[in-house]
PDB file of N, CA and C in Angstrom:
ATOM      1  N   MET A   1       0.826  -1.177   0.000  1.00  0.00           N
ATOM      2  CA  MET A   1       0.000   0.000   0.000  1.00  0.00           C
ATOM      3  C   MET A   1       0.874   1.245   0.000  1.00  0.00           C
ATOM      4  N   ASN A   2       0.324   2.317  -0.542  1.00  0.00           N
ATOM      5  CA  ASN A   2       1.030   3.582  -0.654  1.00  0.00           C
ATOM      6  C   ASN A   2       0.113   4.723  -0.248  1.00  0.00           C
ATOM      7  N   ILE A   3       0.724   5.833   0.094  1.00  0.00           N
ATOM      8  CA  ILE A   3      -0.025   7.057   0.341  1.00  0.00           C
ATOM      9  C   ILE A   3       0.459   8.089  -0.665  1.00  0.00           C
ATOM     10  N   GLN A   4      -0.489   8.770  -1.261  1.00  0.00           N
ATOM     11  CA  GLN A   4      -0.141   9.833  -2.185  1.00  0.00           C
ATOM     12  C   GLN A   4      -0.749  11.131  -1.674  1.00  0.00           C
ATOM     13  N   ILE A   5       0.082  12.152  -1.558  1.00  0.00           N
ATOM     14  CA  ILE A   5      -0.373  13.490  -1.193  1.00  0.00           C
ATOM     15  C   ILE A   5      -0.462  14.270  -2.494  1.00  0.00           C
ATOM     16  N   LYS A   6      -1.659  14.644  -2.866  1.00  0.00           N
ATOM     17  CA  LYS A   6      -1.873  15.364  -4.115  1.00  0.00           C
ATOM     18  C   LYS A   6      -2.439  16.742  -3.775  1.00  0.00           C
ATOM     19  N   ILE A   7      -1.802  17.780  -4.298  1.00  0.00           N
ATOM     20  CA  ILE A   7      -2.267  19.148  -4.067  1.00  0.00           C
ATOM     21  C   ILE A   7      -2.552  19.769  -5.424  1.00  0.00           C
ATOM     22  N   LYS A   8      -3.815  20.126  -5.622  1.00  0.00           N
ATOM     23  CA  LYS A   8      -4.225  20.704  -6.904  1.00  0.00           C
ATOM     24  C   LYS A   8      -5.261  21.790  -6.641  1.00  0.00           C
ATOM     25  N   ASP A   9      -5.013  22.955  -7.184  1.00  0.00           N
ATOM     26  CA  ASP A   9      -5.922  24.096  -7.034  1.00  0.00           C
ATOM     27  C   ASP A   9      -6.250  24.370  -5.568  1.00  0.00           C
ATOM     28  N   ASN A  10      -5.234  24.311  -4.704  1.00  0.00           N
ATOM     29  CA  ASN A  10      -5.362  24.564  -3.262  1.00  0.00           C
ATOM     30  C   ASN A  10      -6.266  23.575  -2.534  1.00  0.00           C
ATOM     31  N   ILE A  11      -6.455  22.411  -3.096  1.00  0.00           N
ATOM     32  CA  ILE A  11      -7.169  21.318  -2.446  1.00  0.00           C
ATOM     33  C   ILE A  11      -6.158  20.204  -2.207  1.00  0.00           C
ATOM     34  N   VAL A  12      -6.138  19.689  -0.983  1.00  0.00           N
ATOM     35  CA  VAL A  12      -5.211  18.621  -0.612  1.00  0.00           C
ATOM     36  C   VAL A  12      -5.981  17.307  -0.600  1.00  0.00           C
ATOM     37  N   TYR A  13      -5.448  16.326  -1.323  1.00  0.00           N
ATOM     38  CA  TYR A  13      -6.010  14.978  -1.358  1.00  0.00           C
ATOM     39  C   TYR A  13      -4.970  14.047  -0.738  1.00  0.00           C
ATOM     40  N   ILE A  14      -5.360  13.303   0.261  1.00  0.00           N
ATOM     41  CA  ILE A  14      -4.493  12.278   0.818  1.00  0.00           C
ATOM     42  C   ILE A  14      -5.125  10.952   0.428  1.00  0.00           C
ATOM     43  N   LEU A  15      -4.447  10.238  -0.462  1.00  0.00           N
ATOM     44  CA  LEU A  15      -5.005   9.025  -1.051  1.00  0.00           C
ATOM     45  C   LEU A  15      -4.316   7.790  -0.494  1.00  0.00           C
ATOM     46  N   LEU A  16      -5.103   6.837  -0.047  1.00  0.00           N
ATOM     47  CA  LEU A  16      -4.594   5.537   0.362  1.00  0.00           C
ATOM     48  C   LEU A  16      -4.751   4.632  -0.849  1.00  0.00           C
ATOM     49  N   MET A  17      -3.627   4.154  -1.368  1.00  0.00           N
ATOM     50  CA  MET A  17      -3.636   3.437  -2.643  1.00  0.00           C
ATOM     51  C   MET A  17      -3.120   2.011  -2.483  1.00  0.00           C
ATOM     52  N   ASP A  18      -3.729   1.120  -3.230  1.00  0.00           N
ATOM     53  CA  ASP A  18      -3.247  -0.241  -3.369  1.00  0.00           C
ATOM     54  C   ASP A  18      -2.966  -0.413  -4.857  1.00  0.00           C
ATOM     55  N   LYS A  19      -1.696  -0.395  -5.207  1.00  0.00           N
ATOM     56  CA  LYS A  19      -1.262  -0.349  -6.604  1.00  0.00           C
ATOM     57  C   LYS A  19      -1.856   0.895  -7.239  1.00  0.00           C
ATOM     58  N   LYS A  20      -2.762   0.783  -8.182  1.00  0.00           N
ATOM     59  CA  LYS A  20      -3.340   1.949  -8.852  1.00  0.00           C
ATOM     60  C   LYS A  20      -4.750   2.262  -8.366  1.00  0.00           C
ATOM     61  N   ASN A  21      -5.275   1.469  -7.434  1.00  0.00           N
ATOM     62  CA  ASN A  21      -6.636   1.660  -6.935  1.00  0.00           C
ATOM     63  C   ASN A  21      -6.646   2.541  -5.681  1.00  0.00           C
ATOM     64  N   ILE A  22      -7.583   3.477  -5.636  1.00  0.00           N
ATOM     65  CA  ILE A  22      -7.755   4.323  -4.456  1.00  0.00           C
ATOM     66  C   ILE A  22      -8.676   3.586  -3.488  1.00  0.00           C
ATOM     67  N   LEU A  23      -8.155   3.260  -2.301  1.00  0.00           N
ATOM     68  CA  LEU A  23      -8.942   2.566  -1.294  1.00  0.00           C
ATOM     69  C   LEU A  23      -9.745   3.537  -0.441  1.00  0.00           C
ATOM     70  N   ASP A  24      -9.155   4.685  -0.151  1.00  0.00           N
ATOM     71  CA  ASP A  24      -9.825   5.701   0.655  1.00  0.00           C
ATOM     72  C   ASP A  24      -9.089   7.021   0.459  1.00  0.00           C
ATOM     73  N   LYS A  25      -9.750   8.107   0.847  1.00  0.00           N
ATOM     74  CA  LYS A  25      -9.098   9.409   0.699  1.00  0.00           C
ATOM     75  C   LYS A  25      -9.661  10.403   1.703  1.00  0.00           C
ATOM     76  N   LEU A  26      -8.854  11.390   2.008  1.00  0.00           N
ATOM     77  CA  LEU A  26      -9.270  12.562   2.769  1.00  0.00           C
ATOM     78  C   LEU A  26      -9.011  13.771   1.889  1.00  0.00           C
ATOM     79  N   VAL A  27      -9.923  14.719   1.920  1.00  0.00           N
ATOM     80  CA  VAL A  27      -9.802  15.914   1.087  1.00  0.00           C
ATOM     81  C   VAL A  27     -10.083  17.136   1.955  1.00  0.00           C
ATOM     82  N   PHE A  28      -9.225  18.139   1.844  1.00  0.00           N
ATOM     83  CA  PHE A  28      -9.461  19.388   2.552  1.00  0.00           C
ATOM     84  C   PHE A  28      -8.822  20.534   1.794  1.00  0.00           C
ATOM     85  N   GLU A  29      -9.314  21.740   2.061  1.00  0.00           N
ATOM     86  CA  GLU A  29      -8.781  22.931   1.414  1.00  0.00           C
ATOM     87  C   GLU A  29      -7.507  23.368   2.125  1.00  0.00           C
ATOM     88  N   GLU A  30      -6.515  23.753   1.341  1.00  0.00           N
ATOM     89  CA  GLU A  30      -5.245  24.220   1.885  1.00  0.00           C
ATOM     90  C   GLU A  30      -5.385  25.702   2.200  1.00  0.00           C
ATOM     91  N   LYS A  31      -5.366  26.029   3.485  1.00  0.00           N
ATOM     92  CA  LYS A  31      -5.521  27.418   3.927  1.00  0.00           C
ATOM     93  C   LYS A  31      -4.289  27.872   4.693  1.00  0.00           C
ATOM     94  N   HIS A  32      -3.124  27.578   4.157  1.00  0.00           N
ATOM     95  CA  HIS A  32      -1.850  27.948   4.776  1.00  0.00           C
ATOM     96  C   HIS A  32      -1.692  27.330   6.166  1.00  0.00           C
ATOM     97  N   ASN A  33      -2.266  26.139   6.343  1.00  0.00           N
ATOM     98  CA  ASN A  33      -2.136  25.436   7.611  1.00  0.00           C
ATOM     99  C   ASN A  33      -1.779  23.958   7.394  1.00  0.00           C
ATOM    100  N   LEU A  34      -1.143  23.667   6.285  1.00  0.00           N
ATOM    101  CA  LEU A  34      -0.808  22.285   5.955  1.00  0.00           C
ATOM    102  C   LEU A  34       0.087  21.661   7.014  1.00  0.00           C
ATOM    103  N   SER A  35       0.980  22.442   7.591  1.00  0.00           N
ATOM    104  CA  SER A  35       1.878  21.906   8.609  1.00  0.00           C
ATOM    105  C   SER A  35       1.110  21.425   9.838  1.00  0.00           C
ATOM    106  N   GLU A  36      -0.048  21.984  10.088  1.00  0.00           N
ATOM    107  CA  GLU A  36      -0.877  21.573  11.217  1.00  0.00           C
ATOM    108  C   GLU A  36      -1.814  20.420  10.870  1.00  0.00           C
ATOM    109  N   LYS A  37      -2.208  20.309   9.618  1.00  0.00           N
ATOM    110  CA  LYS A  37      -3.245  19.346   9.240  1.00  0.00           C
ATOM    111  C   LYS A  37      -2.737  18.064   8.601  1.00  0.00           C
ATOM    112  N   LEU A  38      -1.564  18.089   7.978  1.00  0.00           N
ATOM    113  CA  LEU A  38      -1.137  16.962   7.162  1.00  0.00           C
ATOM    114  C   LEU A  38      -0.913  15.675   7.967  1.00  0.00           C
ATOM    115  N   LEU A  39      -0.066  15.701   8.961  1.00  0.00           N
ATOM    116  CA  LEU A  39       0.222  14.484   9.730  1.00  0.00           C
ATOM    117  C   LEU A  39      -0.995  13.948  10.475  1.00  0.00           C
ATOM    118  N   PRO A  40      -1.793  14.792  11.155  1.00  0.00           N
ATOM    119  CA  PRO A  40      -3.001  14.256  11.787  1.00  0.00           C
ATOM    120  C   PRO A  40      -3.986  13.649  10.782  1.00  0.00           C
ATOM    121  N   SER A  41      -4.055  14.221   9.593  1.00  0.00           N
ATOM    122  CA  SER A  41      -4.955  13.682   8.565  1.00  0.00           C
ATOM    123  C   SER A  41      -4.483  12.318   8.069  1.00  0.00           C
ATOM    124  N   ILE A  42      -3.179  12.180   7.869  1.00  0.00           N
ATOM    125  CA  ILE A  42      -2.632  10.881   7.457  1.00  0.00           C
ATOM    126  C   ILE A  42      -2.901   9.847   8.541  1.00  0.00           C
ATOM    127  N   ASN A  43      -2.682  10.217   9.789  1.00  0.00           N
ATOM    128  CA  ASN A  43      -2.937   9.321  10.911  1.00  0.00           C
ATOM    129  C   ASN A  43      -4.411   8.912  10.967  1.00  0.00           C
ATOM    130  N   ARG A  44      -5.305   9.862  10.775  1.00  0.00           N
ATOM    131  CA  ARG A  44      -6.754   9.580  10.781  1.00  0.00           C
ATOM    132  C   ARG A  44      -7.124   8.599   9.662  1.00  0.00           C
ATOM    133  N   LEU A  45      -6.550   8.790   8.488  1.00  0.00           N
ATOM    134  CA  LEU A  45      -6.823   7.908   7.358  1.00  0.00           C
ATOM    135  C   LEU A  45      -6.354   6.482   7.647  1.00  0.00           C
ATOM    136  N   LEU A  46      -5.185   6.347   8.238  1.00  0.00           N
ATOM    137  CA  LEU A  46      -4.666   5.017   8.576  1.00  0.00           C
ATOM    138  C   LEU A  46      -5.518   4.348   9.649  1.00  0.00           C
ATOM    139  N   LYS A  47      -5.877   5.087  10.680  1.00  0.00           N
ATOM    140  CA  LYS A  47      -6.704   4.518  11.751  1.00  0.00           C
ATOM    141  C   LYS A  47      -8.078   4.112  11.231  1.00  0.00           C
ATOM    142  N   LYS A  48      -8.671   4.950  10.412  1.00  0.00           N
ATOM    143  CA  LYS A  48      -9.992   4.667   9.855  1.00  0.00           C
ATOM    144  C   LYS A  48      -9.994   3.346   9.090  1.00  0.00           C
ATOM    145  N   ASN A  49      -8.900   3.063   8.396  1.00  0.00           N
ATOM    146  CA  ASN A  49      -8.799   1.851   7.588  1.00  0.00           C
ATOM    147  C   ASN A  49      -8.085   0.705   8.314  1.00  0.00           C
ATOM    148  N   LYS A  50      -7.779   0.925   9.589  1.00  0.00           N
ATOM    149  CA  LYS A  50      -7.120  -0.089  10.427  1.00  0.00           C
ATOM    150  C   LYS A  50      -5.834  -0.601   9.786  1.00  0.00           C
ATOM    151  N   ILE A  51      -5.031   0.353   9.351  1.00  0.00           N
ATOM    152  CA  ILE A  51      -3.773   0.037   8.682  1.00  0.00           C
ATOM    153  C   ILE A  51      -2.619   0.533   9.549  1.00  0.00           C
ATOM    154  N   ASN A  52      -1.655  -0.313   9.754  1.00  0.00           N
ATOM    155  CA  ASN A  52      -0.460   0.026  10.508  1.00  0.00           C
ATOM    156  C   ASN A  52       0.501   0.767   9.582  1.00  0.00           C
ATOM    157  N   VAL A  53       1.218   1.707  10.127  1.00  0.00           N
ATOM    158  CA  VAL A  53       2.171   2.480   9.329  1.00  0.00           C
ATOM    159  C   VAL A  53       3.193   1.564   8.653  1.00  0.00           C
ATOM    160  N   LYS A  54       3.488   0.429   9.247  1.00  0.00           N
ATOM    161  CA  LYS A  54       4.445  -0.516   8.663  1.00  0.00           C
ATOM    162  C   LYS A  54       3.917  -1.152   7.377  1.00  0.00           C
ATOM    163  N   ASP A  55       2.607  -1.068   7.142  1.00  0.00           N
ATOM    164  CA  ASP A  55       2.013  -1.628   5.930  1.00  0.00           C
ATOM    165  C   ASP A  55       2.151  -0.699   4.727  1.00  0.00           C
ATOM    166  N   ILE A  56       2.559   0.532   4.967  1.00  0.00           N
ATOM    167  CA  ILE A  56       2.719   1.509   3.889  1.00  0.00           C
ATOM    168  C   ILE A  56       4.132   1.406   3.340  1.00  0.00           C
ATOM    169  N   LYS A  57       4.238   1.175   2.050  1.00  0.00           N
ATOM    170  CA  LYS A  57       5.556   1.006   1.409  1.00  0.00           C
ATOM    171  C   LYS A  57       6.207   2.342   1.080  1.00  0.00           C
ATOM    172  N   THR A  58       5.430   3.251   0.492  1.00  0.00           N
ATOM    173  CA  THR A  58       5.980   4.556   0.106  1.00  0.00           C
ATOM    174  C   THR A  58       4.921   5.638   0.241  1.00  0.00           C
ATOM    175  N   MET A  59       5.409   6.866   0.287  1.00  0.00           N
ATOM    176  CA  MET A  59       4.550   8.037   0.266  1.00  0.00           C
ATOM    177  C   MET A  59       5.084   8.951  -0.834  1.00  0.00           C
ATOM    178  N   LYS A  60       4.188   9.455  -1.661  1.00  0.00           N
ATOM    179  CA  LYS A  60       4.585  10.327  -2.770  1.00  0.00           C
ATOM    180  C   LYS A  60       3.821  11.637  -2.696  1.00  0.00           C
ATOM    181  N   THR A  61       4.424  12.672  -3.260  1.00  0.00           N
ATOM    182  CA  THR A  61       3.785  13.979  -3.356  1.00  0.00           C
ATOM    183  C   THR A  61       3.633  14.346  -4.827  1.00  0.00           C
ATOM    184  N   GLU A  62       2.456  14.806  -5.166  1.00  0.00           N
ATOM    185  CA  GLU A  62       2.184  15.290  -6.522  1.00  0.00           C
ATOM    186  C   GLU A  62       1.443  16.606  -6.384  1.00  0.00           C
ATOM    187  N   THR A  63       1.913  17.631  -7.082  1.00  0.00           N
ATOM    188  CA  THR A  63       1.304  18.950  -6.928  1.00  0.00           C
ATOM    189  C   THR A  63       1.392  19.765  -8.206  1.00  0.00           C
ATOM    190  N   ASP A  64       0.506  20.717  -8.314  1.00  0.00           N
ATOM    191  CA  ASP A  64       0.538  21.630  -9.460  1.00  0.00           C
ATOM    192  C   ASP A  64       1.149  22.976  -9.088  1.00  0.00           C
ATOM    193  N   ILE A  65       1.682  23.077  -7.869  1.00  0.00           N
ATOM    194  CA  ILE A  65       2.287  24.346  -7.455  1.00  0.00           C
ATOM    195  C   ILE A  65       3.797  24.279  -7.572  1.00  0.00           C
ATOM    196  N   ASN A  66       4.406  25.422  -7.651  1.00  0.00           N
ATOM    197  CA  ASN A  66       5.849  25.551  -7.792  1.00  0.00           C
ATOM    198  C   ASN A  66       6.554  25.013  -6.557  1.00  0.00           C
ATOM    199  N   ASP A  67       7.685  24.376  -6.750  1.00  0.00           N
ATOM    200  CA  ASP A  67       8.408  23.778  -5.617  1.00  0.00           C
ATOM    201  C   ASP A  67       9.046  24.807  -4.689  1.00  0.00           C
ATOM    202  N   SER A  68       8.922  26.085  -5.003  1.00  0.00           N
ATOM    203  CA  SER A  68       9.452  27.100  -4.090  1.00  0.00           C
ATOM    204  C   SER A  68       8.418  27.503  -3.038  1.00  0.00           C
ATOM    205  N   TYR A  69       7.193  27.057  -3.169  1.00  0.00           N
ATOM    206  CA  TYR A  69       6.152  27.392  -2.204  1.00  0.00           C
ATOM    207  C   TYR A  69       6.243  26.507  -0.965  1.00  0.00           C
ATOM    208  N   THR A  70       5.967  27.092   0.181  1.00  0.00           N
ATOM    209  CA  THR A  70       6.060  26.384   1.455  1.00  0.00           C
ATOM    210  C   THR A  70       5.136  25.173   1.492  1.00  0.00           C
ATOM    211  N   THR A  71       3.952  25.271   0.932  1.00  0.00           N
ATOM    212  CA  THR A  71       3.018  24.147   0.922  1.00  0.00           C
ATOM    213  C   THR A  71       3.647  22.933   0.254  1.00  0.00           C
ATOM    214  N   TYR A  72       4.276  23.140  -0.878  1.00  0.00           N
ATOM    215  CA  TYR A  72       4.951  22.041  -1.567  1.00  0.00           C
ATOM    216  C   TYR A  72       6.070  21.477  -0.697  1.00  0.00           C
ATOM    217  N   ARG A  73       6.854  22.360  -0.126  1.00  0.00           N
ATOM    218  CA  ARG A  73       8.002  21.907   0.674  1.00  0.00           C
ATOM    219  C   ARG A  73       7.562  21.115   1.902  1.00  0.00           C
ATOM    220  N   ILE A  74       6.462  21.495   2.520  1.00  0.00           N
ATOM    221  CA  ILE A  74       5.953  20.746   3.678  1.00  0.00           C
ATOM    222  C   ILE A  74       5.540  19.350   3.245  1.00  0.00           C
ATOM    223  N   ALA A  75       4.751  19.253   2.181  1.00  0.00           N
ATOM    224  CA  ALA A  75       4.287  17.943   1.705  1.00  0.00           C
ATOM    225  C   ALA A  75       5.458  17.065   1.274  1.00  0.00           C
ATOM    226  N   GLU A  76       6.400  17.627   0.572  1.00  0.00           N
ATOM    227  CA  GLU A  76       7.556  16.864   0.101  1.00  0.00           C
ATOM    228  C   GLU A  76       8.439  16.415   1.266  1.00  0.00           C
ATOM    229  N   THR A  77       8.603  17.251   2.258  1.00  0.00           N
ATOM    230  CA  THR A  77       9.396  16.886   3.432  1.00  0.00           C
ATOM    231  C   THR A  77       8.742  15.745   4.206  1.00  0.00           C
ATOM    232  N   VAL A  78       7.436  15.800   4.371  1.00  0.00           N
ATOM    233  CA  VAL A  78       6.719  14.710   5.050  1.00  0.00           C
ATOM    234  C   VAL A  78       6.904  13.416   4.275  1.00  0.00           C
ATOM    235  N   SER A  79       6.746  13.458   2.955  1.00  0.00           N
ATOM    236  CA  SER A  79       6.911  12.251   2.130  1.00  0.00           C
ATOM    237  C   SER A  79       8.318  11.679   2.236  1.00  0.00           C
ATOM    238  N   LYS A  80       9.315  12.523   2.076  1.00  0.00           N
ATOM    239  CA  LYS A  80      10.700  12.048   2.125  1.00  0.00           C
ATOM    240  C   LYS A  80      11.066  11.506   3.503  1.00  0.00           C
ATOM    241  N   THR A  81      10.618  12.177   4.546  1.00  0.00           N
ATOM    242  CA  THR A  81      10.905  11.714   5.905  1.00  0.00           C
ATOM    243  C   THR A  81      10.220  10.386   6.178  1.00  0.00           C
ATOM    244  N   PHE A  82       8.979  10.256   5.749  1.00  0.00           N
ATOM    245  CA  PHE A  82       8.260   8.995   5.916  1.00  0.00           C
ATOM    246  C   PHE A  82       8.984   7.864   5.197  1.00  0.00           C
ATOM    247  N   ASN A  83       9.363   8.095   3.952  1.00  0.00           N
ATOM    248  CA  ASN A  83      10.058   7.054   3.180  1.00  0.00           C
ATOM    249  C   ASN A  83      11.402   6.663   3.818  1.00  0.00           C
ATOM    250  N   TRP A  84      12.106   7.643   4.367  1.00  0.00           N
ATOM    251  CA  TRP A  84      13.351   7.354   5.062  1.00  0.00           C
ATOM    252  C   TRP A  84      13.085   6.496   6.301  1.00  0.00           C
ATOM    253  N   ALA A  85      12.053   6.871   7.064  1.00  0.00           N
ATOM    254  CA  ALA A  85      11.732   6.151   8.293  1.00  0.00           C
ATOM    255  C   ALA A  85      11.272   4.723   8.013  1.00  0.00           C
ATOM    256  N   VAL A  86      10.518   4.531   6.953  1.00  0.00           N
ATOM    257  CA  VAL A  86      10.036   3.185   6.605  1.00  0.00           C
ATOM    258  C   VAL A  86      11.211   2.263   6.303  1.00  0.00           C
ATOM    259  N   LYS A  87      12.241   2.778   5.663  1.00  0.00           N
ATOM    260  CA  LYS A  87      13.423   1.967   5.367  1.00  0.00           C
ATOM    261  C   LYS A  87      14.145   1.549   6.641  1.00  0.00           C
ATOM    262  N   LYS A  88      14.059   2.383   7.675  1.00  0.00           N
ATOM    263  CA  LYS A  88      14.735   2.093   8.946  1.00  0.00           C
ATOM    264  C   LYS A  88      13.977   1.068   9.793  1.00  0.00           C
ATOM    265  N   LEU A  89      12.675   0.891   9.523  1.00  0.00           N
ATOM    266  CA  LEU A  89      11.878  -0.054  10.309  1.00  0.00           C
ATOM    267  C   LEU A  89      12.281  -1.427   9.969  1.00  0.00           C
TER     268      LEU A  89
END
């Protein structure tokens, strides 16, 4: 299983994916508070689906915004940190 963080037109989609199929998702508007909402939302999605973090293979970020924006950098940092941590488990 994978998690994909997709940001498009200031809407954040957190997708729980099994190969190419979307199993579940959370959607919220990005109001310059992604640093406060992203990790709790991912946690809520995992708990709702009774999935352990160890079951997630990778996390990816996909966005239509420029990589110089803080929103992009927050999402990308969470993804990279998660992927690093999963390798250490």
